[in-house]
Amino acid sequence: MVYGLAEAALHLHHELDGGYSIGAGARIGALVDPAPGWRINAYASGIRQFLGEKDTPASLGVQSRVALGRDTALRIDLARMREAEHRFNAGSISLQLYF
């Protein structure tokens, strides 16, 4: 499945210009189920902050979730991000328990 979403953002912090930032943007991506219980989401997103602190944060990433049982899943997230003129990588591994 391929998708596109509109996004909006509001950030409040005393270190931002004027103490706030407001923006809008989009996220596009694709969901793929390569095997039963395994889902992959590849995405790209960007927001143009046009009021208050001006910035254009963006990210490109992959999220993977594997069902380990009826109420348990392993999730892995990897992303390349740009924010406040800095580029960095982010990643996480989490165990999800549903109840």
PDB file of N, CA and C in Angstrom:
ATOM      1  N   MET A   1       0.836  -1.160   0.000  1.00  0.00           N
ATOM      2  CA  MET A   1       0.000   0.000   0.000  1.00  0.00           C
ATOM      3  C   MET A   1       0.895   1.242   0.000  1.00  0.00           C
ATOM      4  N   VAL A   2       0.610   2.169  -0.850  1.00  0.00           N
ATOM      5  CA  VAL A   2       1.319   3.449  -0.915  1.00  0.00           C
ATOM      6  C   VAL A   2       0.401   4.505  -0.302  1.00  0.00           C
ATOM      7  N   TYR A   3       0.976   5.440   0.470  1.00  0.00           N
ATOM      8  CA  TYR A   3       0.139   6.443   1.125  1.00  0.00           C
ATOM      9  C   TYR A   3       0.786   7.820   1.079  1.00  0.00           C
ATOM     10  N   GLY A   4      -0.041   8.828   1.286  1.00  0.00           N
ATOM     11  CA  GLY A   4       0.400  10.210   1.422  1.00  0.00           C
ATOM     12  C   GLY A   4      -0.452  10.877   2.489  1.00  0.00           C
ATOM     13  N   LEU A   5       0.173  11.610   3.395  1.00  0.00           N
ATOM     14  CA  LEU A   5      -0.530  12.258   4.499  1.00  0.00           C
ATOM     15  C   LEU A   5      -0.108  13.719   4.608  1.00  0.00           C
ATOM     16  N   ALA A   6      -1.043  14.575   4.966  1.00  0.00           N
ATOM     17  CA  ALA A   6      -0.720  15.964   5.300  1.00  0.00           C
ATOM     18  C   ALA A   6      -0.388  16.001   6.790  1.00  0.00           C
ATOM     19  N   GLU A   7       0.612  16.808   7.167  1.00  0.00           N
ATOM     20  CA  GLU A   7       1.014  16.913   8.562  1.00  0.00           C
ATOM     21  C   GLU A   7       1.089  18.384   8.975  1.00  0.00           C
ATOM     22  N   ALA A   8       0.896  18.618  10.257  1.00  0.00           N
ATOM     23  CA  ALA A   8       1.055  19.956  10.827  1.00  0.00           C
ATOM     24  C   ALA A   8       1.872  19.818  12.106  1.00  0.00           C
ATOM     25  N   ALA A   9       2.580  20.880  12.475  1.00  0.00           N
ATOM     26  CA  ALA A   9       3.420  20.829  13.670  1.00  0.00           C
ATOM     27  C   ALA A   9       3.352  22.155  14.428  1.00  0.00           C
ATOM     28  N   LEU A  10       3.337  22.053  15.748  1.00  0.00           N
ATOM     29  CA  LEU A  10       3.417  23.196  16.642  1.00  0.00           C
ATOM     30  C   LEU A  10       4.456  22.852  17.700  1.00  0.00           C
ATOM     31  N   HIS A  11       5.517  23.662  17.796  1.00  0.00           N
ATOM     32  CA  HIS A  11       6.549  23.468  18.814  1.00  0.00           C
ATOM     33  C   HIS A  11       6.577  24.701  19.701  1.00  0.00           C
ATOM     34  N   LEU A  12       6.599  24.483  21.002  1.00  0.00           N
ATOM     35  CA  LEU A  12       6.698  25.561  21.976  1.00  0.00           C
ATOM     36  C   LEU A  12       7.939  25.322  22.823  1.00  0.00           C
ATOM     37  N   HIS A  13       8.851  26.290  22.858  1.00  0.00           N
ATOM     38  CA  HIS A  13      10.058  26.175  23.682  1.00  0.00           C
ATOM     39  C   HIS A  13      10.695  27.550  23.794  1.00  0.00           C
ATOM     40  N   HIS A  14      11.227  27.873  24.963  1.00  0.00           N
ATOM     41  CA  HIS A  14      11.786  29.206  25.178  1.00  0.00           C
ATOM     42  C   HIS A  14      13.017  29.501  24.324  1.00  0.00           C
ATOM     43  N   GLU A  15      13.694  28.485  23.781  1.00  0.00           N
ATOM     44  CA  GLU A  15      14.881  28.732  22.946  1.00  0.00           C
ATOM     45  C   GLU A  15      14.549  28.951  21.466  1.00  0.00           C
ATOM     46  N   LEU A  16      13.310  28.776  21.066  1.00  0.00           N
ATOM     47  CA  LEU A  16      12.910  29.044  19.685  1.00  0.00           C
ATOM     48  C   LEU A  16      12.708  30.541  19.486  1.00  0.00           C
ATOM     49  N   ASP A  17      12.898  31.023  18.255  1.00  0.00           N
ATOM     50  CA  ASP A  17      12.618  32.426  17.945  1.00  0.00           C
ATOM     51  C   ASP A  17      11.154  32.712  18.254  1.00  0.00           C
ATOM     52  N   GLY A  18      10.896  33.660  19.144  1.00  0.00           N
ATOM     53  CA  GLY A  18       9.522  33.976  19.528  1.00  0.00           C
ATOM     54  C   GLY A  18       8.920  32.951  20.473  1.00  0.00           C
ATOM     55  N   GLY A  19       9.629  31.879  20.782  1.00  0.00           N
ATOM     56  CA  GLY A  19       9.119  30.860  21.699  1.00  0.00           C
ATOM     57  C   GLY A  19       8.240  29.805  21.059  1.00  0.00           C
ATOM     58  N   TYR A  20       8.078  29.856  19.731  1.00  0.00           N
ATOM     59  CA  TYR A  20       7.201  28.886  19.073  1.00  0.00           C
ATOM     60  C   TYR A  20       7.625  28.657  17.627  1.00  0.00           C
ATOM     61  N   SER A  21       7.030  27.630  17.035  1.00  0.00           N
ATOM     62  CA  SER A  21       7.215  27.329  15.621  1.00  0.00           C
ATOM     63  C   SER A  21       5.964  26.615  15.117  1.00  0.00           C
ATOM     64  N   ILE A  22       5.446  27.053  13.991  1.00  0.00           N
ATOM     65  CA  ILE A  22       4.254  26.437  13.392  1.00  0.00           C
ATOM     66  C   ILE A  22       4.580  26.094  11.943  1.00  0.00           C
ATOM     67  N   GLY A  23       4.192  24.892  11.525  1.00  0.00           N
ATOM     68  CA  GLY A  23       4.476  24.492  10.155  1.00  0.00           C
ATOM     69  C   GLY A  23       3.525  23.447   9.623  1.00  0.00           C
ATOM     70  N   ALA A  24       3.672  23.156   8.348  1.00  0.00           N
ATOM     71  CA  ALA A  24       2.859  22.141   7.679  1.00  0.00           C
ATOM     72  C   ALA A  24       3.725  21.436   6.642  1.00  0.00           C
ATOM     73  N   GLY A  25       3.351  20.209   6.322  1.00  0.00           N
ATOM     74  CA  GLY A  25       4.122  19.459   5.349  1.00  0.00           C
ATOM     75  C   GLY A  25       3.411  18.184   4.953  1.00  0.00           C
ATOM     76  N   ALA A  26       4.199  17.199   4.552  1.00  0.00           N
ATOM     77  CA  ALA A  26       3.616  15.958   4.056  1.00  0.00           C
ATOM     78  C   ALA A  26       4.505  14.773   4.406  1.00  0.00           C
ATOM     79  N   ARG A  27       3.900  13.599   4.412  1.00  0.00           N
ATOM     80  CA  ARG A  27       4.606  12.327   4.583  1.00  0.00           C
ATOM     81  C   ARG A  27       4.112  11.402   3.480  1.00  0.00           C
ATOM     82  N   ILE A  28       5.044  10.750   2.811  1.00  0.00           N
ATOM     83  CA  ILE A  28       4.696   9.746   1.820  1.00  0.00           C
ATOM     84  C   ILE A  28       5.417   8.462   2.208  1.00  0.00           C
ATOM     85  N   GLY A  29       4.839   7.348   1.837  1.00  0.00           N
ATOM     86  CA  GLY A  29       5.478   6.092   2.187  1.00  0.00           C
ATOM     87  C   GLY A  29       4.811   4.906   1.545  1.00  0.00           C
ATOM     88  N   ALA A  30       5.327   3.745   1.901  1.00  0.00           N
ATOM     89  CA  ALA A  30       4.786   2.483   1.391  1.00  0.00           C
ATOM     90  C   ALA A  30       4.840   1.439   2.497  1.00  0.00           C
ATOM     91  N   LEU A  31       3.764   0.703   2.644  1.00  0.00           N
ATOM     92  CA  LEU A  31       3.677  -0.419   3.575  1.00  0.00           C
ATOM     93  C   LEU A  31       3.755  -1.715   2.785  1.00  0.00           C
ATOM     94  N   VAL A  32       4.619  -2.604   3.234  1.00  0.00           N
ATOM     95  CA  VAL A  32       4.804  -3.886   2.549  1.00  0.00           C
ATOM     96  C   VAL A  32       4.764  -4.988   3.602  1.00  0.00           C
ATOM     97  N   ASP A  33       4.087  -6.085   3.304  1.00  0.00           N
ATOM     98  CA  ASP A  33       4.060  -7.269   4.166  1.00  0.00           C
ATOM     99  C   ASP A  33       4.789  -8.396   3.441  1.00  0.00           C
ATOM    100  N   PRO A  34       6.131  -8.526   3.617  1.00  0.00           N
ATOM    101  CA  PRO A  34       6.875  -9.538   2.868  1.00  0.00           C
ATOM    102  C   PRO A  34       6.601 -10.973   3.304  1.00  0.00           C
ATOM    103  N   ALA A  35       6.085 -11.141   4.530  1.00  0.00           N
ATOM    104  CA  ALA A  35       5.759 -12.478   5.044  1.00  0.00           C
ATOM    105  C   ALA A  35       4.676 -12.311   6.104  1.00  0.00           C
ATOM    106  N   PRO A  36       3.938 -13.356   6.424  1.00  0.00           N
ATOM    107  CA  PRO A  36       2.922 -13.245   7.478  1.00  0.00           C
ATOM    108  C   PRO A  36       3.550 -12.791   8.802  1.00  0.00           C
ATOM    109  N   GLY A  37       2.971 -11.759   9.418  1.00  0.00           N
ATOM    110  CA  GLY A  37       3.459 -11.249  10.683  1.00  0.00           C
ATOM    111  C   GLY A  37       4.610 -10.264  10.577  1.00  0.00           C
ATOM    112  N   TRP A  38       5.033  -9.933   9.370  1.00  0.00           N
ATOM    113  CA  TRP A  38       6.163  -9.009   9.178  1.00  0.00           C
ATOM    114  C   TRP A  38       5.701  -7.850   8.312  1.00  0.00           C
ATOM    115  N   ARG A  39       5.823  -6.630   8.821  1.00  0.00           N
ATOM    116  CA  ARG A  39       5.429  -5.432   8.080  1.00  0.00           C
ATOM    117  C   ARG A  39       6.601  -4.460   8.025  1.00  0.00           C
ATOM    118  N   ILE A  40       6.803  -3.854   6.847  1.00  0.00           N
ATOM    119  CA  ILE A  40       7.842  -2.846   6.641  1.00  0.00           C
ATOM    120  C   ILE A  40       7.177  -1.568   6.149  1.00  0.00           C
ATOM    121  N   ASN A  41       7.570  -0.449   6.754  1.00  0.00           N
ATOM    122  CA  ASN A  41       7.078   0.867   6.357  1.00  0.00           C
ATOM    123  C   ASN A  41       8.281   1.729   5.983  1.00  0.00           C
ATOM    124  N   ALA A  42       8.386   2.112   4.730  1.00  0.00           N
ATOM    125  CA  ALA A  42       9.421   3.038   4.266  1.00  0.00           C
ATOM    126  C   ALA A  42       8.748   4.382   4.016  1.00  0.00           C
ATOM    127  N   TYR A  43       9.377   5.466   4.499  1.00  0.00           N
ATOM    128  CA  TYR A  43       8.713   6.767   4.409  1.00  0.00           C
ATOM    129  C   TYR A  43       9.708   7.909   4.210  1.00  0.00           C
ATOM    130  N   ALA A  44       9.173   9.027   3.766  1.00  0.00           N
ATOM    131  CA  ALA A  44       9.892  10.297   3.691  1.00  0.00           C
ATOM    132  C   ALA A  44       8.926  11.373   4.157  1.00  0.00           C
ATOM    133  N   SER A  45       9.404  12.292   4.992  1.00  0.00           N
ATOM    134  CA  SER A  45       8.525  13.354   5.470  1.00  0.00           C
ATOM    135  C   SER A  45       9.294  14.666   5.571  1.00  0.00           C
ATOM    136  N   GLY A  46       8.561  15.747   5.456  1.00  0.00           N
ATOM    137  CA  GLY A  46       9.143  17.073   5.577  1.00  0.00           C
ATOM    138  C   GLY A  46       8.090  18.064   6.015  1.00  0.00           C
ATOM    139  N   ILE A  47       8.503  19.029   6.824  1.00  0.00           N
ATOM    140  CA  ILE A  47       7.597  20.073   7.307  1.00  0.00           C
ATOM    141  C   ILE A  47       8.279  21.418   7.107  1.00  0.00           C
ATOM    142  N   ARG A  48       7.562  22.357   6.574  1.00  0.00           N
ATOM    143  CA  ARG A  48       8.065  23.724   6.416  1.00  0.00           C
ATOM    144  C   ARG A  48       7.497  24.551   7.556  1.00  0.00           C
ATOM    145  N   GLN A  49       8.359  24.982   8.485  1.00  0.00           N
ATOM    146  CA  GLN A  49       7.921  25.812   9.599  1.00  0.00           C
ATOM    147  C   GLN A  49       7.979  27.264   9.138  1.00  0.00           C
ATOM    148  N   PHE A  50       6.834  27.919   9.082  1.00  0.00           N
ATOM    149  CA  PHE A  50       6.739  29.236   8.460  1.00  0.00           C
ATOM    150  C   PHE A  50       6.390  30.358   9.429  1.00  0.00           C
ATOM    151  N   LEU A  51       6.009  30.044  10.669  1.00  0.00           N
ATOM    152  CA  LEU A  51       5.744  31.074  11.679  1.00  0.00           C
ATOM    153  C   LEU A  51       6.610  30.806  12.901  1.00  0.00           C
ATOM    154  N   GLY A  52       7.148  31.864  13.493  1.00  0.00           N
ATOM    155  CA  GLY A  52       8.054  31.700  14.630  1.00  0.00           C
ATOM    156  C   GLY A  52       9.417  31.265  14.124  1.00  0.00           C
ATOM    157  N   GLU A  53      10.005  30.277  14.773  1.00  0.00           N
ATOM    158  CA  GLU A  53      11.296  29.720  14.338  1.00  0.00           C
ATOM    159  C   GLU A  53      11.121  29.114  12.954  1.00  0.00           C
ATOM    160  N   LYS A  54      11.944  29.505  12.013  1.00  0.00           N
ATOM    161  CA  LYS A  54      11.839  28.987  10.645  1.00  0.00           C
ATOM    162  C   LYS A  54      12.859  27.876  10.444  1.00  0.00           C
ATOM    163  N   ASP A  55      12.381  26.738   9.977  1.00  0.00           N
ATOM    164  CA  ASP A  55      13.219  25.569   9.750  1.00  0.00           C
ATOM    165  C   ASP A  55      12.475  24.663   8.772  1.00  0.00           C
ATOM    166  N   THR A  56      13.165  23.688   8.238  1.00  0.00           N
ATOM    167  CA  THR A  56      12.539  22.704   7.359  1.00  0.00           C
ATOM    168  C   THR A  56      13.038  21.316   7.759  1.00  0.00           C
ATOM    169  N   PRO A  57      12.550  20.769   8.879  1.00  0.00           N
ATOM    170  CA  PRO A  57      12.978  19.430   9.267  1.00  0.00           C
ATOM    171  C   PRO A  57      12.449  18.382   8.286  1.00  0.00           C
ATOM    172  N   ALA A  58      13.255  17.351   8.078  1.00  0.00           N
ATOM    173  CA  ALA A  58      12.876  16.278   7.158  1.00  0.00           C
ATOM    174  C   ALA A  58      13.439  14.960   7.670  1.00  0.00           C
ATOM    175  N   SER A  59      12.821  13.872   7.261  1.00  0.00           N
ATOM    176  CA  SER A  59      13.329  12.554   7.639  1.00  0.00           C
ATOM    177  C   SER A  59      13.047  11.542   6.540  1.00  0.00           C
ATOM    178  N   LEU A  60      13.906  10.543   6.496  1.00  0.00           N
ATOM    179  CA  LEU A  60      13.802   9.430   5.571  1.00  0.00           C
ATOM    180  C   LEU A  60      14.063   8.194   6.412  1.00  0.00           C
ATOM    181  N   GLY A  61      13.129   7.243   6.411  1.00  0.00           N
ATOM    182  CA  GLY A  61      13.320   6.124   7.320  1.00  0.00           C
ATOM    183  C   GLY A  61      12.631   4.842   6.916  1.00  0.00           C
ATOM    184  N   VAL A  62      12.938   3.815   7.704  1.00  0.00           N
ATOM    185  CA  VAL A  62      12.353   2.487   7.537  1.00  0.00           C
ATOM    186  C   VAL A  62      11.967   1.983   8.920  1.00  0.00           C
ATOM    187  N   GLN A  63      10.754   1.479   9.036  1.00  0.00           N
ATOM    188  CA  GLN A  63      10.270   0.857  10.265  1.00  0.00           C
ATOM    189  C   GLN A  63       9.887  -0.579   9.933  1.00  0.00           C
ATOM    190  N   SER A  64      10.263  -1.494  10.804  1.00  0.00           N
ATOM    191  CA  SER A  64       9.942  -2.902  10.586  1.00  0.00           C
ATOM    192  C   SER A  64       9.345  -3.464  11.864  1.00  0.00           C
ATOM    193  N   ARG A  65       8.259  -4.206  11.739  1.00  0.00           N
ATOM    194  CA  ARG A  65       7.609  -4.850  12.878  1.00  0.00           C
ATOM    195  C   ARG A  65       7.409  -6.321  12.556  1.00  0.00           C
ATOM    196  N   VAL A  66       7.865  -7.182  13.479  1.00  0.00           N
ATOM    197  CA  VAL A  66       7.709  -8.625  13.327  1.00  0.00           C
ATOM    198  C   VAL A  66       6.896  -9.132  14.504  1.00  0.00           C
ATOM    199  N   ALA A  67       5.782  -9.787  14.232  1.00  0.00           N
ATOM    200  CA  ALA A  67       4.958 -10.370  15.292  1.00  0.00           C
ATOM    201  C   ALA A  67       5.663 -11.609  15.838  1.00  0.00           C
ATOM    202  N   LEU A  68       5.890 -11.617  17.157  1.00  0.00           N
ATOM    203  CA  LEU A  68       6.513 -12.766  17.803  1.00  0.00           C
ATOM    204  C   LEU A  68       5.478 -13.707  18.400  1.00  0.00           C
ATOM    205  N   GLY A  69       4.288 -13.204  18.568  1.00  0.00           N
ATOM    206  CA  GLY A  69       3.174 -13.972  19.118  1.00  0.00           C
ATOM    207  C   GLY A  69       1.918 -13.148  18.980  1.00  0.00           C
ATOM    208  N   ARG A  70       0.830 -13.617  19.552  1.00  0.00           N
ATOM    209  CA  ARG A  70      -0.438 -12.906  19.426  1.00  0.00           C
ATOM    210  C   ARG A  70      -0.381 -11.522  20.070  1.00  0.00           C
ATOM    211  N   ASP A  71       0.335 -11.376  21.182  1.00  0.00           N
ATOM    212  CA  ASP A  71       0.376 -10.129  21.933  1.00  0.00           C
ATOM    213  C   ASP A  71       1.772  -9.512  22.020  1.00  0.00           C
ATOM    214  N   THR A  72       2.692  -9.927  21.167  1.00  0.00           N
ATOM    215  CA  THR A  72       4.081  -9.477  21.255  1.00  0.00           C
ATOM    216  C   THR A  72       4.635  -9.208  19.853  1.00  0.00           C
ATOM    217  N   ALA A  73       5.400  -8.117  19.744  1.00  0.00           N
ATOM    218  CA  ALA A  73       6.045  -7.794  18.465  1.00  0.00           C
ATOM    219  C   ALA A  73       7.394  -7.144  18.729  1.00  0.00           C
ATOM    220  N   LEU A  74       8.305  -7.325  17.805  1.00  0.00           N
ATOM    221  CA  LEU A  74       9.608  -6.674  17.830  1.00  0.00           C
ATOM    222  C   LEU A  74       9.592  -5.596  16.761  1.00  0.00           C
ATOM    223  N   ARG A  75      10.002  -4.377  17.131  1.00  0.00           N
ATOM    224  CA  ARG A  75       9.979  -3.263  16.194  1.00  0.00           C
ATOM    225  C   ARG A  75      11.374  -2.665  16.082  1.00  0.00           C
ATOM    226  N   ILE A  76      11.788  -2.378  14.859  1.00  0.00           N
ATOM    227  CA  ILE A  76      13.073  -1.752  14.579  1.00  0.00           C
ATOM    228  C   ILE A  76      12.815  -0.517  13.716  1.00  0.00           C
ATOM    229  N   ASP A  77      13.337   0.618  14.148  1.00  0.00           N
ATOM    230  CA  ASP A  77      13.187   1.885  13.426  1.00  0.00           C
ATOM    231  C   ASP A  77      14.563   2.444  13.097  1.00  0.00           C
ATOM    232  N   LEU A  78      14.769   2.824  11.850  1.00  0.00           N
ATOM    233  CA  LEU A  78      16.006   3.473  11.412  1.00  0.00           C
ATOM    234  C   LEU A  78      15.634   4.706  10.594  1.00  0.00           C
ATOM    235  N   ALA A  79      16.318   5.833  10.839  1.00  0.00           N
ATOM    236  CA  ALA A  79      15.974   7.057  10.113  1.00  0.00           C
ATOM    237  C   ALA A  79      17.201   7.943   9.942  1.00  0.00           C
ATOM    238  N   ARG A  80      17.200   8.695   8.876  1.00  0.00           N
ATOM    239  CA  ARG A  80      18.164   9.770   8.627  1.00  0.00           C
ATOM    240  C   ARG A  80      17.354  11.045   8.721  1.00  0.00           C
ATOM    241  N   MET A  81      17.772  11.976   9.597  1.00  0.00           N
ATOM    242  CA  MET A  81      16.969  13.162   9.862  1.00  0.00           C
ATOM    243  C   MET A  81      17.782  14.439   9.670  1.00  0.00           C
ATOM    244  N   ARG A  82      17.059  15.522   9.357  1.00  0.00           N
ATOM    245  CA  ARG A  82      17.649  16.851   9.275  1.00  0.00           C
ATOM    246  C   ARG A  82      16.763  17.782  10.089  1.00  0.00           C
ATOM    247  N   GLU A  83      17.404  18.514  11.012  1.00  0.00           N
ATOM    248  CA  GLU A  83      16.658  19.444  11.848  1.00  0.00           C
ATOM    249  C   GLU A  83      17.609  20.549  12.309  1.00  0.00           C
ATOM    250  N   ALA A  84      17.184  21.789  12.213  1.00  0.00           N
ATOM    251  CA  ALA A  84      17.982  22.945  12.630  1.00  0.00           C
ATOM    252  C   ALA A  84      19.380  22.909  11.988  1.00  0.00           C
ATOM    253  N   GLU A  85      19.430  22.608  10.702  1.00  0.00           N
ATOM    254  CA  GLU A  85      20.662  22.541   9.911  1.00  0.00           C
ATOM    255  C   GLU A  85      21.650  21.470  10.381  1.00  0.00           C
ATOM    256  N   HIS A  86      21.182  20.514  11.161  1.00  0.00           N
ATOM    257  CA  HIS A  86      22.004  19.385  11.589  1.00  0.00           C
ATOM    258  C   HIS A  86      21.437  18.115  10.972  1.00  0.00           C
ATOM    259  N   ARG A  87      22.325  17.237  10.552  1.00  0.00           N
ATOM    260  CA  ARG A  87      21.913  15.938  10.010  1.00  0.00           C
ATOM    261  C   ARG A  87      22.385  14.861  10.978  1.00  0.00           C
ATOM    262  N   PHE A  88      21.520  13.884  11.227  1.00  0.00           N
ATOM    263  CA  PHE A  88      21.884  12.826  12.147  1.00  0.00           C
ATOM    264  C   PHE A  88      21.077  11.566  11.844  1.00  0.00           C
ATOM    265  N   ASN A  89      21.584  10.456  12.352  1.00  0.00           N
ATOM    266  CA  ASN A  89      20.910   9.168  12.227  1.00  0.00           C
ATOM    267  C   ASN A  89      20.223   8.852  13.548  1.00  0.00           C
ATOM    268  N   ALA A  90      19.115   8.148  13.473  1.00  0.00           N
ATOM    269  CA  ALA A  90      18.387   7.720  14.669  1.00  0.00           C
ATOM    270  C   ALA A  90      17.964   6.273  14.473  1.00  0.00           C
ATOM    271  N   GLY A  91      17.923   5.548  15.555  1.00  0.00           N
ATOM    272  CA  GLY A  91      17.488   4.158  15.480  1.00  0.00           C
ATOM    273  C   GLY A  91      16.988   3.684  16.827  1.00  0.00           C
ATOM    274  N   SER A  92      16.111   2.703  16.796  1.00  0.00           N
ATOM    275  CA  SER A  92      15.616   2.116  18.037  1.00  0.00           C
ATOM    276  C   SER A  92      15.153   0.686  17.777  1.00  0.00           C
ATOM    277  N   ILE A  93      15.240  -0.096  18.823  1.00  0.00           N
ATOM    278  CA  ILE A  93      14.693  -1.455  18.830  1.00  0.00           C
ATOM    279  C   ILE A  93      13.786  -1.529  20.042  1.00  0.00           C
ATOM    280  N   SER A  94      12.557  -1.983  19.851  1.00  0.00           N
ATOM    281  CA  SER A  94      11.633  -2.054  20.973  1.00  0.00           C
ATOM    282  C   SER A  94      10.830  -3.350  20.930  1.00  0.00           C
ATOM    283  N   LEU A  95      10.458  -3.787  22.095  1.00  0.00           N
ATOM    284  CA  LEU A  95       9.587  -4.943  22.251  1.00  0.00           C
ATOM    285  C   LEU A  95       8.217  -4.404  22.626  1.00  0.00           C
ATOM    286  N   GLN A  96       7.209  -4.728  21.836  1.00  0.00           N
ATOM    287  CA  GLN A  96       5.867  -4.238  22.071  1.00  0.00           C
ATOM    288  C   GLN A  96       5.021  -5.350  22.660  1.00  0.00           C
ATOM    289  N   LEU A  97       4.376  -5.051  23.778  1.00  0.00           N
ATOM    290  CA  LEU A  97       3.485  -5.994  24.445  1.00  0.00           C
ATOM    291  C   LEU A  97       2.080  -5.415  24.412  1.00  0.00           C
ATOM    292  N   TYR A  98       1.133  -6.157  23.876  1.00  0.00           N
ATOM    293  CA  TYR A  98      -0.256  -5.708  23.756  1.00  0.00           C
ATOM    294  C   TYR A  98      -1.102  -6.394  24.802  1.00  0.00           C
ATOM    295  N   PHE A  99      -1.963  -5.622  25.468  1.00  0.00           N
ATOM    296  CA  PHE A  99      -2.850  -6.225  26.482  1.00  0.00           C
ATOM    297  C   PHE A  99      -4.153  -5.500  26.527  1.00  0.00           C
TER     298      PHE A  99
END
